[in-house]
C-alpha atoms as a PDB file:
ATOM      1  CA  UNK A   1      21.690 -52.230   9.239  1.00  0.00           C
ATOM      2  CA  UNK A   2      24.654 -49.924   9.374  1.00  0.00           C
ATOM      3  CA  UNK A   3      24.805 -49.759   5.610  1.00  0.00           C
ATOM      4  CA  UNK A   4      21.236 -48.668   5.474  1.00  0.00           C
ATOM      5  CA  UNK A   5      21.857 -45.928   8.038  1.00  0.00           C
ATOM      6  CA  UNK A   6      24.858 -44.726   6.078  1.00  0.00           C
ATOM      7  CA  UNK A   7      22.817 -44.625   2.898  1.00  0.00           C
ATOM      8  CA  UNK A   8      20.060 -42.596   4.535  1.00  0.00           C
ATOM      9  CA  UNK A   9      22.636 -40.260   6.131  1.00  0.00           C
ATOM     10  CA  UNK A  10      24.260 -39.715   2.723  1.00  0.00           C
ATOM     11  CA  UNK A  11      20.848 -39.012   1.158  1.00  0.00           C
ATOM     12  CA  UNK A  12      19.971 -36.573   3.943  1.00  0.00           C
ATOM     13  CA  UNK A  13      23.333 -34.701   3.581  1.00  0.00           C
ATOM     14  CA  UNK A  14      22.711 -34.348  -0.196  1.00  0.00           C
ATOM     15  CA  UNK A  15      19.168 -33.159   0.486  1.00  0.00           C
ATOM     16  CA  UNK A  16      20.479 -30.629   3.012  1.00  0.00           C
ATOM     17  CA  UNK A  17      22.954 -29.364   0.490  1.00  0.00           C
ATOM     18  CA  UNK A  18      20.373 -28.976  -2.190  1.00  0.00           C
ATOM     19  CA  UNK A  19      17.995 -27.120   0.187  1.00  0.00           C
ATOM     20  CA  UNK A  20      20.840 -24.787   1.242  1.00  0.00           C
ATOM     21  CA  UNK A  21      21.395 -23.897  -2.347  1.00  0.00           C
ATOM     22  CA  UNK A  22      17.729 -23.195  -2.922  1.00  0.00           C
ATOM     23  CA  UNK A  23      17.530 -21.066   0.155  1.00  0.00           C
ATOM     24  CA  UNK A  24      20.616 -19.064  -0.856  1.00  0.00           C
ATOM     25  CA  UNK A  25      19.140 -18.495  -4.356  1.00  0.00           C
ATOM     26  CA  UNK A  26      15.808 -17.424  -2.956  1.00  0.00           C
ATOM     27  CA  UNK A  27      17.659 -15.009  -0.619  1.00  0.00           C
ATOM     28  CA  UNK A  28      19.298 -13.403  -3.714  1.00  0.00           C
ATOM     29  CA  UNK A  29      15.929 -13.189  -5.479  1.00  0.00           C
ATOM     30  CA  UNK A  30      14.343 -11.547  -2.492  1.00  0.00           C
ATOM     31  CA  UNK A  31      17.179  -9.004  -2.228  1.00  0.00           C
ATOM     32  CA  UNK A  32      16.728  -8.139  -5.808  1.00  0.00           C
ATOM     33  CA  UNK A  33      12.947  -7.749  -5.547  1.00  0.00           C
ATOM     34  CA  UNK A  34      13.410  -5.677  -2.391  1.00  0.00           C
ATOM     35  CA  UNK A  35      15.702  -3.337  -4.184  1.00  0.00           C
ATOM     36  CA  UNK A  36      13.281  -3.076  -7.181  1.00  0.00           C
ATOM     37  CA  UNK A  37      10.353  -2.339  -4.899  1.00  0.00           C
ATOM     38  CA  UNK A  38      12.418   0.442  -3.120  1.00  0.00           C
ATOM     39  CA  UNK A  39      13.368   1.894  -6.444  1.00  0.00           C
ATOM     40  CA  UNK A  40       9.697   1.962  -7.520  1.00  0.00           C
ATOM     41  CA  UNK A  41       8.634   3.548  -4.254  1.00  0.00           C
ATOM     42  CA  UNK A  42      11.226   6.215  -4.675  1.00  0.00           C
ATOM     43  CA  UNK A  43      10.074   6.917  -8.287  1.00  0.00           C
ATOM     44  CA  UNK A  44       6.440   7.145  -7.145  1.00  0.00           C
ATOM     45  CA  UNK A  45       7.423   9.490  -4.224  1.00  0.00           C
ATOM     46  CA  UNK A  46       9.313  11.770  -6.608  1.00  0.00           C
ATOM     47  CA  UNK A  47       6.311  11.719  -9.042  1.00  0.00           C
ATOM     48  CA  UNK A  48       3.966  12.736  -6.200  1.00  0.00           C
ATOM     49  CA  UNK A  49       6.254  15.527  -5.167  1.00  0.00           C
ATOM     50  CA  UNK A  50       6.215  16.873  -8.783  1.00  0.00           C
ATOM     51  CA  UNK A  51       2.425  16.821  -8.729  1.00  0.00           C
ATOM     52  CA  UNK A  52       2.247  14.645 -11.709  1.00  0.00           C
ATOM     53  CA  UNK A  53       0.533  11.597 -10.140  1.00  0.00           C
ATOM     54  CA  UNK A  54      -1.411  11.073 -13.359  1.00  0.00           C
ATOM     55  CA  UNK A  55      -4.344   9.169 -11.659  1.00  0.00           C
ATOM     56  CA  UNK A  56      -7.768  10.091 -13.091  1.00  0.00           C
ATOM     57  CA  UNK A  57     -10.422   9.756 -10.344  1.00  0.00           C
ATOM     58  CA  UNK A  58     -14.082   8.955 -11.182  1.00  0.00           C
ATOM     59  CA  UNK A  59     -15.438  11.191 -13.915  1.00  0.00           C
ATOM     60  CA  UNK A  60     -12.605  13.707 -13.776  1.00  0.00           C
ATOM     61  CA  UNK A  61     -11.395  14.580 -17.241  1.00  0.00           C
ATOM     62  CA  UNK A  62      -7.785  14.163 -18.115  1.00  0.00           C
ATOM     63  CA  UNK A  63      -5.787  17.426 -18.477  1.00  0.00           C
ATOM     64  CA  UNK A  64      -5.654  17.366 -22.266  1.00  0.00           C
ATOM     65  CA  UNK A  65      -9.415  17.989 -22.443  1.00  0.00           C
END
């Protein structure tokens, strides 16, 4: 019985280590994606300030016509 408990404990410890690595990796990915979203939001804000949004609404003709 003790041997079985020790085996299960070892398995659970290994599983906890693997999950910890996965969570750490996901945290890094989330940080990277957050920085990219912030960068894109800053670019869009700058584009809006310049007045060059470039979005054509409805039947509005693009500026080159």
